Amino acid sequence: MAQTSEGNKVYTFGQGLTGQLGHGGELLKSVPCEITSEFSEQVVQVAASGHGSLFLTESNQIYYSGKLKAFDSKEVPAWRPKKLQKGAQLEGKKIHKIQAGSLFYAALV
């Protein structure tokens, strides 16, 4: 996954078995492909794990693609970036940074 400083364009590439690339399917992309048009506003940060990707926008929204629960076989992946419901703990708080690990996601507020 890559993010450019020029216009905050987002490109993804690699193995997309669970939709984590945000291209709309289980695709292997060996060349970076832009997915910026999937967002209605600028993306300011990206974070990726083996099963999903997070995208933080300039208005403090978090989008994700792929799976949020790495080993939940019943979870339907988000094949294209989808807005995350942040919950009461994060509502109204400024998110400074997002992070993705192999089994977790984190937000610095």
N, C-alpha and C. Protein backbone atom coordinates (compact mmCIF):
# COMPACT_ATOMS: atom_id res chain seq x y z
N MET A 1 0.85 -1.16 0.00
CA MET A 1 0.00 0.00 0.00
C MET A 1 0.89 1.22 0.00
N ALA A 2 0.49 2.23 -0.74
CA ALA A 2 1.28 3.45 -0.81
C ALA A 2 0.37 4.66 -0.82
N GLN A 3 0.88 5.74 -0.33
CA GLN A 3 0.15 7.01 -0.33
C GLN A 3 1.13 8.06 -0.81
N THR A 4 0.70 8.88 -1.76
CA THR A 4 1.59 9.91 -2.28
C THR A 4 1.29 11.24 -1.61
N SER A 5 2.25 12.12 -1.61
CA SER A 5 2.03 13.45 -1.04
C SER A 5 1.38 14.37 -2.07
N GLU A 6 1.43 14.00 -3.32
CA GLU A 6 0.85 14.80 -4.39
C GLU A 6 -0.65 14.53 -4.48
N GLY A 7 -1.46 15.42 -3.90
CA GLY A 7 -2.90 15.26 -3.95
C GLY A 7 -3.43 14.14 -3.08
N ASN A 8 -2.60 13.61 -2.21
CA ASN A 8 -2.99 12.52 -1.31
C ASN A 8 -3.66 11.38 -2.05
N LYS A 9 -3.05 10.92 -3.10
CA LYS A 9 -3.56 9.79 -3.85
C LYS A 9 -3.18 8.49 -3.15
N VAL A 10 -4.07 7.52 -3.19
CA VAL A 10 -3.82 6.23 -2.54
C VAL A 10 -3.72 5.15 -3.60
N TYR A 11 -2.64 4.39 -3.53
CA TYR A 11 -2.40 3.26 -4.43
C TYR A 11 -2.23 2.00 -3.59
N THR A 12 -2.75 0.88 -4.06
CA THR A 12 -2.54 -0.39 -3.37
C THR A 12 -2.06 -1.43 -4.37
N PHE A 13 -1.33 -2.39 -3.85
CA PHE A 13 -0.88 -3.51 -4.67
C PHE A 13 -0.49 -4.66 -3.74
N GLY A 14 -0.43 -5.85 -4.28
CA GLY A 14 -0.11 -7.05 -3.51
C GLY A 14 -1.24 -8.07 -3.63
N GLN A 15 -1.32 -8.94 -2.63
CA GLN A 15 -2.33 -9.99 -2.59
C GLN A 15 -3.59 -9.45 -1.93
N GLY A 16 -4.72 -9.61 -2.56
CA GLY A 16 -5.97 -9.08 -2.02
C GLY A 16 -7.01 -10.14 -1.73
N LEU A 17 -6.63 -11.23 -1.11
CA LEU A 17 -7.56 -12.35 -0.88
C LEU A 17 -8.79 -11.99 -0.06
N THR A 18 -8.66 -11.05 0.85
CA THR A 18 -9.82 -10.68 1.67
C THR A 18 -10.30 -9.26 1.37
N GLY A 19 -9.94 -8.72 0.21
CA GLY A 19 -10.41 -7.40 -0.17
C GLY A 19 -9.61 -6.25 0.39
N GLN A 20 -8.49 -6.54 1.07
CA GLN A 20 -7.74 -5.49 1.74
C GLN A 20 -7.15 -4.44 0.81
N LEU A 21 -7.09 -4.72 -0.49
CA LEU A 21 -6.57 -3.72 -1.43
C LEU A 21 -7.60 -2.65 -1.78
N GLY A 22 -8.89 -2.94 -1.59
CA GLY A 22 -9.93 -1.96 -1.87
C GLY A 22 -10.30 -1.83 -3.34
N HIS A 23 -9.90 -2.79 -4.18
CA HIS A 23 -10.18 -2.73 -5.61
C HIS A 23 -11.51 -3.36 -6.00
N GLY A 24 -12.15 -4.05 -5.09
CA GLY A 24 -13.45 -4.62 -5.40
C GLY A 24 -13.47 -6.11 -5.60
N GLY A 25 -12.43 -6.82 -5.25
CA GLY A 25 -12.44 -8.27 -5.40
C GLY A 25 -11.16 -8.91 -4.92
N GLU A 26 -11.11 -10.23 -5.06
CA GLU A 26 -9.93 -11.00 -4.67
C GLU A 26 -8.91 -10.93 -5.80
N LEU A 27 -8.10 -9.92 -5.78
CA LEU A 27 -7.18 -9.68 -6.88
C LEU A 27 -5.73 -9.68 -6.42
N LEU A 28 -4.87 -10.16 -7.27
CA LEU A 28 -3.44 -10.00 -7.08
C LEU A 28 -3.02 -8.84 -7.97
N LYS A 29 -2.50 -7.81 -7.38
CA LYS A 29 -2.05 -6.64 -8.13
C LYS A 29 -0.54 -6.51 -7.98
N SER A 30 0.19 -6.75 -9.05
CA SER A 30 1.64 -6.63 -8.99
C SER A 30 2.11 -5.21 -9.32
N VAL A 31 1.21 -4.41 -9.83
CA VAL A 31 1.50 -3.01 -10.16
C VAL A 31 0.56 -2.14 -9.32
N PRO A 32 1.06 -1.06 -8.70
CA PRO A 32 0.19 -0.19 -7.90
C PRO A 32 -0.99 0.35 -8.71
N CYS A 33 -2.19 0.28 -8.12
CA CYS A 33 -3.41 0.79 -8.74
C CYS A 33 -4.04 1.82 -7.82
N GLU A 34 -4.47 2.92 -8.39
CA GLU A 34 -5.05 4.01 -7.60
C GLU A 34 -6.47 3.67 -7.15
N ILE A 35 -6.75 3.93 -5.87
CA ILE A 35 -8.12 3.76 -5.35
C ILE A 35 -8.64 5.06 -4.74
N THR A 36 -8.00 6.18 -5.04
CA THR A 36 -8.38 7.47 -4.47
C THR A 36 -9.84 7.80 -4.72
N SER A 37 -10.38 7.42 -5.89
CA SER A 37 -11.77 7.75 -6.23
C SER A 37 -12.78 7.08 -5.31
N GLU A 38 -12.35 6.11 -4.52
CA GLU A 38 -13.25 5.43 -3.58
C GLU A 38 -13.62 6.33 -2.40
N PHE A 39 -12.93 7.46 -2.26
CA PHE A 39 -13.14 8.34 -1.11
C PHE A 39 -13.69 9.68 -1.57
N SER A 40 -14.60 10.24 -0.78
CA SER A 40 -15.19 11.53 -1.12
C SER A 40 -14.35 12.69 -0.58
N GLU A 41 -13.28 12.40 0.11
CA GLU A 41 -12.40 13.42 0.67
C GLU A 41 -10.97 12.89 0.69
N GLN A 42 -10.04 13.74 1.05
CA GLN A 42 -8.64 13.34 1.03
C GLN A 42 -8.30 12.38 2.16
N VAL A 43 -7.51 11.38 1.81
CA VAL A 43 -6.98 10.43 2.79
C VAL A 43 -5.65 10.99 3.28
N VAL A 44 -5.48 11.05 4.61
CA VAL A 44 -4.26 11.62 5.18
C VAL A 44 -3.33 10.55 5.75
N GLN A 45 -3.84 9.33 5.96
CA GLN A 45 -2.98 8.26 6.46
C GLN A 45 -3.58 6.91 6.08
N VAL A 46 -2.71 5.93 5.85
CA VAL A 46 -3.13 4.56 5.58
C VAL A 46 -2.37 3.62 6.51
N ALA A 47 -3.00 2.49 6.83
CA ALA A 47 -2.37 1.44 7.63
C ALA A 47 -2.89 0.11 7.12
N ALA A 48 -2.00 -0.88 7.03
CA ALA A 48 -2.40 -2.16 6.45
C ALA A 48 -1.94 -3.33 7.29
N SER A 49 -2.77 -4.37 7.28
CA SER A 49 -2.42 -5.64 7.91
C SER A 49 -2.58 -6.72 6.85
N GLY A 50 -2.40 -7.95 7.22
CA GLY A 50 -2.54 -9.05 6.28
C GLY A 50 -3.96 -9.31 5.84
N HIS A 51 -4.94 -8.79 6.60
CA HIS A 51 -6.34 -9.08 6.30
C HIS A 51 -7.18 -7.86 6.00
N GLY A 52 -6.68 -6.67 6.32
CA GLY A 52 -7.47 -5.48 6.10
C GLY A 52 -6.62 -4.22 6.04
N SER A 53 -7.23 -3.14 5.60
CA SER A 53 -6.55 -1.85 5.50
C SER A 53 -7.41 -0.77 6.12
N LEU A 54 -6.78 0.22 6.72
CA LEU A 54 -7.47 1.38 7.29
C LEU A 54 -7.04 2.63 6.55
N PHE A 55 -7.97 3.56 6.43
CA PHE A 55 -7.71 4.83 5.75
C PHE A 55 -8.29 5.94 6.62
N LEU A 56 -7.48 6.89 7.03
CA LEU A 56 -7.92 8.02 7.84
C LEU A 56 -8.06 9.23 6.93
N THR A 57 -9.21 9.90 6.98
CA THR A 57 -9.46 11.05 6.11
C THR A 57 -9.24 12.36 6.86
N GLU A 58 -9.20 13.44 6.09
CA GLU A 58 -8.96 14.75 6.67
C GLU A 58 -10.07 15.20 7.62
N SER A 59 -11.27 14.62 7.50
CA SER A 59 -12.35 14.98 8.41
C SER A 59 -12.49 14.01 9.58
N ASN A 60 -11.42 13.23 9.84
CA ASN A 60 -11.37 12.36 11.01
C ASN A 60 -12.24 11.11 10.87
N GLN A 61 -12.53 10.71 9.66
CA GLN A 61 -13.29 9.47 9.43
C GLN A 61 -12.32 8.34 9.15
N ILE A 62 -12.68 7.15 9.57
CA ILE A 62 -11.88 5.96 9.28
C ILE A 62 -12.67 5.08 8.32
N TYR A 63 -12.02 4.70 7.24
CA TYR A 63 -12.58 3.73 6.30
C TYR A 63 -11.74 2.46 6.38
N TYR A 64 -12.33 1.33 6.01
CA TYR A 64 -11.57 0.09 5.98
C TYR A 64 -11.95 -0.71 4.75
N SER A 65 -11.06 -1.58 4.35
CA SER A 65 -11.36 -2.57 3.32
C SER A 65 -10.77 -3.89 3.80
N GLY A 66 -11.35 -4.99 3.34
CA GLY A 66 -10.92 -6.30 3.80
C GLY A 66 -11.72 -6.73 5.01
N LYS A 67 -11.07 -7.39 5.93
CA LYS A 67 -11.72 -7.89 7.14
C LYS A 67 -11.22 -7.16 8.37
N LEU A 68 -12.13 -6.93 9.32
CA LEU A 68 -11.75 -6.36 10.60
C LEU A 68 -11.38 -7.47 11.59
N LYS A 69 -11.98 -8.64 11.41
CA LYS A 69 -11.72 -9.79 12.28
C LYS A 69 -10.95 -10.82 11.46
N ALA A 70 -9.66 -10.91 11.68
CA ALA A 70 -8.76 -11.67 10.81
C ALA A 70 -9.19 -13.12 10.57
N PHE A 71 -9.63 -13.82 11.59
CA PHE A 71 -9.89 -15.24 11.43
C PHE A 71 -11.37 -15.60 11.55
N ASP A 72 -12.26 -14.64 11.38
CA ASP A 72 -13.69 -14.89 11.43
C ASP A 72 -14.18 -15.29 10.04
N SER A 73 -14.41 -16.57 9.84
CA SER A 73 -14.81 -17.06 8.52
C SER A 73 -16.20 -16.60 8.13
N LYS A 74 -17.01 -16.13 9.08
CA LYS A 74 -18.37 -15.68 8.78
C LYS A 74 -18.42 -14.20 8.39
N GLU A 75 -17.36 -13.45 8.67
CA GLU A 75 -17.34 -12.03 8.33
C GLU A 75 -17.24 -11.85 6.82
N VAL A 76 -18.11 -11.02 6.29
CA VAL A 76 -18.07 -10.70 4.86
C VAL A 76 -17.09 -9.55 4.66
N PRO A 77 -16.06 -9.73 3.85
CA PRO A 77 -15.08 -8.66 3.66
C PRO A 77 -15.68 -7.43 2.97
N ALA A 78 -15.11 -6.27 3.27
CA ALA A 78 -15.46 -5.05 2.55
C ALA A 78 -14.53 -5.00 1.34
N TRP A 79 -15.07 -5.27 0.16
CA TRP A 79 -14.24 -5.34 -1.05
C TRP A 79 -13.79 -3.96 -1.52
N ARG A 80 -14.54 -2.94 -1.15
CA ARG A 80 -14.17 -1.55 -1.43
C ARG A 80 -14.20 -0.81 -0.09
N PRO A 81 -13.44 0.28 0.04
CA PRO A 81 -13.40 1.00 1.32
C PRO A 81 -14.80 1.37 1.81
N LYS A 82 -15.02 1.12 3.09
CA LYS A 82 -16.31 1.33 3.75
C LYS A 82 -16.08 2.11 5.03
N LYS A 83 -16.97 3.05 5.34
CA LYS A 83 -16.81 3.87 6.55
C LYS A 83 -16.99 3.01 7.79
N LEU A 84 -16.07 3.16 8.74
CA LEU A 84 -16.10 2.42 9.98
C LEU A 84 -16.94 3.17 11.00
N GLN A 85 -17.81 2.46 11.68
CA GLN A 85 -18.55 3.05 12.80
C GLN A 85 -17.61 3.08 13.99
N LYS A 86 -17.22 4.27 14.42
CA LYS A 86 -16.16 4.41 15.41
C LYS A 86 -16.58 4.04 16.83
N GLY A 87 -17.84 4.15 17.16
CA GLY A 87 -18.28 3.82 18.51
C GLY A 87 -18.13 5.00 19.47
N ALA A 88 -18.75 4.86 20.62
CA ALA A 88 -18.80 5.94 21.60
C ALA A 88 -17.42 6.35 22.12
N GLN A 89 -16.49 5.40 22.21
CA GLN A 89 -15.17 5.72 22.76
C GLN A 89 -14.40 6.70 21.89
N LEU A 90 -14.59 6.68 20.58
CA LEU A 90 -13.85 7.56 19.68
C LEU A 90 -14.68 8.72 19.14
N GLU A 91 -15.99 8.67 19.33
CA GLU A 91 -16.85 9.71 18.77
C GLU A 91 -16.49 11.07 19.35
N GLY A 92 -16.30 12.05 18.46
CA GLY A 92 -15.99 13.41 18.85
C GLY A 92 -14.53 13.66 19.20
N LYS A 93 -13.70 12.63 19.12
CA LYS A 93 -12.28 12.79 19.43
C LYS A 93 -11.47 12.88 18.15
N LYS A 94 -10.42 13.70 18.17
CA LYS A 94 -9.53 13.84 17.03
C LYS A 94 -8.59 12.63 16.98
N ILE A 95 -8.59 11.94 15.86
CA ILE A 95 -7.70 10.80 15.67
C ILE A 95 -6.42 11.32 15.01
N HIS A 96 -5.31 11.13 15.67
CA HIS A 96 -4.03 11.62 15.18
C HIS A 96 -3.30 10.61 14.30
N LYS A 97 -3.50 9.33 14.61
CA LYS A 97 -2.77 8.30 13.88
C LYS A 97 -3.53 6.98 13.99
N ILE A 98 -3.43 6.17 12.93
CA ILE A 98 -3.99 4.82 12.95
C ILE A 98 -2.87 3.82 12.72
N GLN A 99 -3.06 2.61 13.23
CA GLN A 99 -2.05 1.56 13.10
C GLN A 99 -2.76 0.23 12.87
N ALA A 100 -2.14 -0.65 12.09
CA ALA A 100 -2.68 -1.97 11.84
C ALA A 100 -1.61 -3.01 12.11
N GLY A 101 -1.97 -4.03 12.85
CA GLY A 101 -1.07 -5.14 13.12
C GLY A 101 -1.66 -6.42 12.55
N SER A 102 -1.02 -7.54 12.78
CA SER A 102 -1.52 -8.78 12.22
C SER A 102 -2.87 -9.18 12.80
N LEU A 103 -3.15 -8.82 14.04
CA LEU A 103 -4.42 -9.20 14.69
C LEU A 103 -5.12 -8.02 15.37
N PHE A 104 -4.70 -6.79 15.10
CA PHE A 104 -5.31 -5.65 15.78
C PHE A 104 -5.28 -4.40 14.92
N TYR A 105 -6.13 -3.44 15.30
CA TYR A 105 -6.09 -2.09 14.75
C TYR A 105 -6.07 -1.13 15.95
N ALA A 106 -5.43 0.01 15.81
CA ALA A 106 -5.33 0.96 16.91
C ALA A 106 -5.47 2.38 16.38
N ALA A 107 -5.96 3.26 17.25
CA ALA A 107 -6.08 4.68 16.91
C ALA A 107 -5.50 5.50 18.06
N LEU A 108 -4.65 6.47 17.71
CA LEU A 108 -4.10 7.38 18.68
C LEU A 108 -4.95 8.65 18.69
N VAL A 109 -5.54 8.95 19.84
CA VAL A 109 -6.40 10.13 19.95
C VAL A 109 -5.77 11.15 20.88
